[in-house]
Amino acid sequence: MNTVQLECYMAVAENLNFARAAEQLHITQPAVTHQINSLEAELDVKLFRRTTRTVELTAPGWVFWGYAKDILAKTAQAKNRLAGHFEDQIQPFVIGCHSPFELTLLPEVLQQLAKDYPQVHPEIKMVPFQALRNLLQEETLDVMLGFGDEKEKKKTGTYVELTRAPVVCVAARCHALAEKSAVTLEELHQGRLVLCDPHKSSPVITEMQGRLISTRPPSRILFSENIECALTFVKACLGFTILPDMPLMRSDELCYIPVKNAAPASFGLYYKTLQNNPVLRSFIRIIKDYSQQLK
């Protein structure tokens, strides 16, 4: 495995197109194909699912994203350090997220962390939850954000709950549900459901969505890749969705209707160890304080 293979993989993964990846790298398309084939042969997995019209990352391809990005970043860092470009000592601090929503929590927290530790250089990795869990186990990440899951807590690391968010039905003001002060799960069996990717949602939401899907024909289900896409469909009055009610995610364009008798969703952070990591201790303290202010 070499950096040329990894650069080709990253370019194809970002563009999902071999021709555009070749243009980005200033090499020929056959050369990109050769590097990807060599990499897949070496790893003994298929990283991409290719047809005559589309290119998609496979499940192993998504997992490999975090590793490849980290290797290339560390290679570039090593080159810069050896070239004498780093005059001051820096301390990396790597945060894992798997949904853009989690990024909304970080600006205030990182601003305070930088005051306490000016030498810290934060890095944010945006990859699927499974890949983040692997990176945390290997201690490539310092901390990762995500929804709590009893099964995940036991195998991912130490879980610290930051908040418990009530489950709400999110609908546009033009939607029939917008006038309700609260809804039951039975009432949500009607109308079109905008479905969020279960890998990027709370287990509470995933379980509830599963119950709502079972009573619906495909014509009354609208699939979305992430929360942002789901909310775009909801704002267009194409349906409603089910989400944990997080203050920083609220929009004035939408209505947030409590779902009766729904268990709240736990949101927090996972870490592997606090040993010899005072920056992580401070990060946890700051983000816990900030989360309390949002309640």
Protein backbone atom coordinates (compact mmCIF):
# COMPACT_ATOMS: atom_id res chain seq x y z
CA MET A 1 0.00 0.00 0.00
CA ASN A 2 1.36 3.43 -0.93
CA THR A 3 0.25 7.05 -0.85
CA VAL A 4 -0.49 7.08 -4.59
CA GLN A 5 -3.06 4.33 -4.10
CA LEU A 6 -4.56 6.18 -1.13
CA GLU A 7 -4.71 9.49 -3.01
CA CYS A 8 -6.49 7.76 -5.90
CA TYR A 9 -8.91 6.10 -3.47
CA MET A 10 -9.69 9.43 -1.75
CA ALA A 11 -10.18 11.22 -5.07
CA VAL A 12 -12.61 8.57 -6.34
CA ALA A 13 -14.43 8.45 -2.98
CA GLU A 14 -14.87 12.24 -2.99
CA ASN A 15 -15.96 12.50 -6.64
CA LEU A 16 -17.62 9.08 -7.08
CA ASN A 17 -16.36 9.33 -10.62
CA PHE A 18 -13.12 7.89 -12.01
CA ALA A 19 -12.80 10.48 -14.79
CA ARG A 20 -13.13 13.45 -12.43
CA ALA A 21 -10.74 11.80 -9.97
CA ALA A 22 -8.17 11.48 -12.78
CA GLU A 23 -8.58 15.16 -13.66
CA GLN A 24 -8.16 16.15 -10.00
CA LEU A 25 -4.96 14.11 -9.70
CA HIS A 26 -3.65 15.11 -13.16
CA ILE A 27 -3.18 11.51 -14.26
CA THR A 28 -5.00 9.26 -16.74
CA GLN A 29 -8.21 7.42 -15.91
CA PRO A 30 -6.61 3.99 -16.59
CA ALA A 31 -3.89 4.90 -14.08
CA VAL A 32 -6.52 5.65 -11.43
CA THR A 33 -8.32 2.37 -12.21
CA HIS A 34 -5.03 0.46 -11.93
CA GLN A 35 -4.23 2.00 -8.52
CA ILE A 36 -7.73 1.23 -7.18
CA ASN A 37 -7.60 -2.36 -8.47
CA SER A 38 -4.16 -2.84 -6.89
CA LEU A 39 -5.38 -1.43 -3.58
CA GLU A 40 -8.50 -3.62 -3.57
CA ALA A 41 -6.38 -6.68 -4.38
CA GLU A 42 -3.98 -5.87 -1.55
CA LEU A 43 -6.81 -5.33 0.95
CA ASP A 44 -8.79 -8.26 -0.46
CA VAL A 45 -12.03 -6.24 -0.44
CA LYS A 46 -14.05 -4.23 -2.92
CA LEU A 47 -13.94 -0.55 -1.97
CA PHE A 48 -16.28 0.62 -4.73
CA ARG A 49 -19.41 -0.72 -6.36
CA ARG A 50 -19.13 0.16 -10.05
CA THR A 51 -21.68 0.06 -12.84
CA THR A 52 -21.63 1.66 -16.28
CA ARG A 53 -23.39 4.72 -14.83
CA THR A 54 -22.55 4.98 -11.13
CA VAL A 55 -19.76 4.57 -8.59
CA GLU A 56 -20.60 3.98 -4.92
CA LEU A 57 -18.58 3.22 -1.81
CA THR A 58 -19.14 -0.26 -0.41
CA ALA A 59 -19.41 -0.84 3.36
CA PRO A 60 -15.67 -1.68 3.56
CA GLY A 61 -15.03 1.38 1.39
CA TRP A 62 -16.73 3.61 3.96
CA VAL A 63 -14.76 2.04 6.80
CA PHE A 64 -11.48 2.49 4.91
CA TRP A 65 -12.20 6.22 4.41
CA GLY A 66 -11.16 7.12 7.95
CA TYR A 67 -7.96 5.07 7.77
CA ALA A 68 -6.90 6.45 4.39
CA LYS A 69 -7.58 10.04 5.39
CA ASP A 70 -5.65 9.58 8.62
CA ILE A 71 -2.64 7.98 6.88
CA LEU A 72 -2.42 10.77 4.30
CA ALA A 73 -2.80 13.45 6.97
CA LYS A 74 -0.07 11.92 9.10
CA THR A 75 2.18 11.56 6.05
CA ALA A 76 1.73 15.24 5.20
CA GLN A 77 2.30 16.19 8.83
CA ALA A 78 5.50 14.18 8.96
CA LYS A 79 6.79 15.79 5.76
CA ASN A 80 6.07 19.27 7.09
CA ARG A 81 7.65 18.54 10.46
CA LEU A 82 10.80 17.07 8.93
CA ALA A 83 11.00 20.01 6.54
CA GLY A 84 11.08 22.35 9.54
CA HIS A 85 7.70 23.96 8.88
CA PHE A 86 6.60 23.51 12.49
CA GLU A 87 8.33 26.07 14.64
CA ASP A 88 6.06 25.53 17.64
CA GLN A 89 5.07 22.31 19.32
CA ILE A 90 1.46 21.39 18.56
CA GLN A 91 -0.83 18.84 20.15
CA PRO A 92 -3.42 17.12 17.94
CA PHE A 93 -6.89 16.45 19.36
CA VAL A 94 -9.13 14.31 17.17
CA ILE A 95 -12.93 14.45 17.44
CA GLY A 96 -15.17 11.97 15.63
CA CYS A 97 -18.62 12.87 14.29
CA HIS A 98 -20.94 10.90 12.03
CA SER A 99 -23.64 13.53 11.46
CA PRO A 100 -23.35 17.24 10.57
CA PHE A 101 -25.74 17.94 13.44
CA GLU A 102 -22.99 17.15 15.94
CA LEU A 103 -20.83 19.92 14.50
CA THR A 104 -23.27 22.53 15.83
CA LEU A 105 -22.12 21.74 19.38
CA LEU A 106 -18.44 22.29 18.72
CA PRO A 107 -17.70 25.99 17.96
CA GLU A 108 -18.29 27.27 21.50
CA VAL A 109 -16.59 24.23 23.02
CA LEU A 110 -13.50 24.46 20.82
CA GLN A 111 -13.22 28.18 21.42
CA GLN A 112 -13.01 27.60 25.18
CA LEU A 113 -10.67 24.64 24.74
CA ALA A 114 -8.30 26.80 22.69
CA LYS A 115 -8.16 29.33 25.52
CA ASP A 116 -7.15 26.60 27.97
CA TYR A 117 -4.77 24.84 25.58
CA PRO A 118 -3.46 27.21 22.86
CA GLN A 119 -1.14 24.52 21.50
CA VAL A 120 -4.01 22.15 20.68
CA HIS A 121 -4.78 21.62 16.99
CA PRO A 122 -8.25 20.04 16.75
CA GLU A 123 -9.18 17.72 13.90
CA ILE A 124 -12.70 16.57 13.08
CA LYS A 125 -13.32 13.25 11.34
CA MET A 126 -16.71 12.82 9.64
CA VAL A 127 -17.22 9.12 8.91
CA PRO A 128 -19.94 6.51 9.62
CA PHE A 129 -20.44 5.39 13.21
CA GLN A 130 -18.91 1.94 12.67
CA ALA A 131 -15.72 3.48 11.29
CA LEU A 132 -15.59 5.93 14.21
CA ARG A 133 -15.95 3.08 16.68
CA ASN A 134 -13.02 1.26 15.09
CA LEU A 135 -10.88 4.42 15.16
CA LEU A 136 -11.73 4.98 18.83
CA GLN A 137 -10.80 1.41 19.73
CA GLU A 138 -7.45 1.91 18.03
CA GLU A 139 -7.07 5.25 19.86
CA THR A 140 -6.83 7.16 16.59
CA LEU A 141 -9.66 9.33 17.98
CA ASP A 142 -9.62 11.10 21.32
CA VAL A 143 -13.41 11.33 21.53
CA MET A 144 -16.50 10.74 19.42
CA LEU A 145 -20.00 12.20 19.65
CA GLY A 146 -23.15 10.19 19.16
CA PHE A 147 -26.44 8.90 20.50
CA GLY A 148 -26.35 6.47 23.39
CA ASP A 149 -27.06 2.80 22.76
CA GLU A 150 -26.81 0.17 25.51
CA LYS A 151 -25.22 -2.30 23.08
CA GLU A 152 -22.73 0.27 21.78
CA LYS A 153 -21.80 1.51 25.26
CA LYS A 154 -20.40 -1.90 26.15
CA LYS A 155 -18.19 -2.28 23.07
CA THR A 156 -17.37 1.28 22.03
CA GLY A 157 -15.82 2.75 25.19
CA THR A 158 -16.82 4.88 28.14
CA TYR A 159 -20.04 6.79 27.47
CA VAL A 160 -20.78 10.19 29.03
CA GLU A 161 -24.35 11.41 28.62
CA LEU A 162 -24.64 15.10 27.74
CA THR A 163 -28.40 15.41 27.40
CA ARG A 164 -31.65 13.48 27.09
CA ALA A 165 -33.69 14.81 24.21
CA PRO A 166 -37.46 14.31 23.99
CA VAL A 167 -38.70 12.71 20.79
CA VAL A 168 -40.69 15.04 18.54
CA CYS A 169 -42.55 14.93 15.27
CA VAL A 170 -41.08 17.61 12.99
CA ALA A 171 -43.39 19.11 10.39
CA ALA A 172 -43.65 22.23 8.28
CA ARG A 173 -46.16 24.89 9.32
CA CYS A 174 -48.25 23.99 6.26
CA HIS A 175 -48.55 20.34 7.36
CA ALA A 176 -51.75 18.98 8.90
CA LEU A 177 -49.88 17.93 12.06
CA ALA A 178 -48.57 21.45 12.70
CA GLU A 179 -51.70 22.47 14.63
CA LYS A 180 -51.35 19.69 17.21
CA SER A 181 -49.80 20.32 20.62
CA ALA A 182 -48.78 16.64 20.91
CA VAL A 183 -49.23 13.43 18.93
CA THR A 184 -49.43 9.72 19.68
CA LEU A 185 -47.55 7.09 17.72
CA GLU A 186 -50.89 5.87 16.38
CA GLU A 187 -51.60 9.30 14.86
CA LEU A 188 -48.28 9.11 12.99
CA HIS A 189 -49.35 6.04 11.05
CA GLN A 190 -51.04 8.42 8.61
CA GLY A 191 -49.30 10.64 6.06
CA ARG A 192 -45.90 10.45 4.43
CA LEU A 193 -42.91 9.69 6.66
CA VAL A 194 -39.50 11.17 5.87
CA LEU A 195 -37.08 8.48 6.95
CA CYS A 196 -33.62 9.29 8.37
CA ASP A 197 -30.66 6.99 7.85
CA PRO A 198 -30.76 4.65 10.89
CA HIS A 199 -26.95 4.69 11.08
CA LYS A 200 -27.06 8.44 11.82
CA SER A 201 -29.91 8.50 14.29
CA SER A 202 -30.71 7.57 17.88
CA PRO A 203 -31.66 3.92 18.55
CA VAL A 204 -34.91 5.29 20.03
CA ILE A 205 -35.70 7.02 16.72
CA THR A 206 -34.64 4.02 14.65
CA GLU A 207 -36.94 1.72 16.62
CA MET A 208 -39.85 4.14 16.28
CA GLN A 209 -39.26 4.61 12.56
CA GLY A 210 -39.28 0.84 12.17
CA ARG A 211 -42.72 0.61 13.76
CA LEU A 212 -44.03 3.39 11.51
CA ILE A 213 -42.58 1.85 8.35
CA SER A 214 -44.35 -1.46 8.95
CA THR A 215 -47.77 0.13 8.37
CA ARG A 216 -46.84 2.10 5.24
CA PRO A 217 -46.62 1.33 1.55
CA PRO A 218 -43.40 2.51 -0.17
CA SER A 219 -45.28 5.43 -1.73
CA ARG A 220 -45.70 6.98 1.73
CA ILE A 221 -42.04 6.72 2.72
CA LEU A 222 -39.44 9.26 1.61
CA PHE A 223 -35.85 8.19 2.26
CA SER A 224 -33.14 10.70 3.16
CA GLU A 225 -29.39 10.25 3.53
CA ASN A 226 -29.02 12.40 6.64
CA ILE A 227 -30.89 14.72 9.00
CA GLU A 228 -30.22 17.79 6.85
CA CYS A 229 -31.77 16.11 3.79
CA ALA A 230 -34.75 14.96 5.87
CA LEU A 231 -35.40 18.49 7.13
CA THR A 232 -35.20 19.83 3.57
CA PHE A 233 -38.02 17.46 2.56
CA VAL A 234 -39.99 18.41 5.68
CA LYS A 235 -39.63 22.15 4.94
CA ALA A 236 -40.99 21.44 1.47
CA CYS A 237 -44.08 19.96 3.17
CA LEU A 238 -43.41 16.58 1.57
CA GLY A 239 -43.93 14.77 4.85
CA PHE A 240 -42.96 14.68 8.53
CA THR A 241 -40.04 13.11 10.34
CA ILE A 242 -39.21 11.88 13.85
CA LEU A 243 -36.17 13.35 15.62
CA PRO A 244 -34.73 13.99 19.08
CA ASP A 245 -35.49 17.60 20.01
CA MET A 246 -32.06 19.24 20.17
CA PRO A 247 -32.14 23.04 20.73
CA LEU A 248 -29.36 23.85 18.26
CA MET A 249 -31.18 21.96 15.50
CA ARG A 250 -34.41 23.95 15.73
CA SER A 251 -35.64 26.05 12.81
CA ASP A 252 -38.29 28.78 12.90
CA GLU A 253 -39.76 27.32 9.71
CA LEU A 254 -40.73 24.07 11.42
CA CYS A 255 -43.02 22.84 14.19
CA TYR A 256 -41.76 20.44 16.88
CA ILE A 257 -44.61 18.36 18.25
CA PRO A 258 -43.93 16.09 21.27
CA VAL A 259 -44.62 12.39 20.76
CA LYS A 260 -46.58 11.10 23.75
CA ASN A 261 -45.09 8.25 25.81
CA ALA A 262 -41.90 8.19 23.76
CA ALA A 263 -38.69 7.49 25.68
CA PRO A 264 -36.14 10.33 25.39
CA ALA A 265 -33.01 9.85 23.30
CA SER A 266 -29.67 9.91 25.09
CA PHE A 267 -26.93 11.95 23.39
CA GLY A 268 -23.35 12.09 24.57
CA LEU A 269 -19.75 11.21 23.87
CA TYR A 270 -17.57 8.12 23.87
CA TYR A 271 -13.91 7.92 24.81
CA LYS A 272 -11.41 5.11 25.30
CA THR A 273 -9.25 6.41 28.15
CA LEU A 274 -8.52 9.61 30.07
CA GLN A 275 -5.03 8.48 31.01
CA ASN A 276 -2.37 11.07 30.14
CA ASN A 277 -4.93 13.17 28.27
CA PRO A 278 -5.66 16.41 30.18
CA VAL A 279 -7.04 17.99 26.98
CA LEU A 280 -9.75 15.33 26.79
CA ARG A 281 -10.63 15.91 30.45
CA SER A 282 -11.06 19.62 29.74
CA PHE A 283 -13.06 18.95 26.57
CA ILE A 284 -15.49 16.74 28.48
CA ARG A 285 -15.88 19.32 31.25
CA ILE A 286 -16.48 22.16 28.76
CA ILE A 287 -18.96 20.29 26.56
CA LYS A 288 -20.89 19.05 29.63
CA ASP A 289 -21.20 22.62 30.93
CA TYR A 290 -22.23 23.89 27.49
CA SER A 291 -24.84 21.14 27.10
CA GLN A 292 -26.36 22.07 30.46
CA GLN A 293 -26.72 25.68 29.30
CA LEU A 294 -28.72 24.53 26.26
CA LYS A 295 -31.37 22.75 28.30
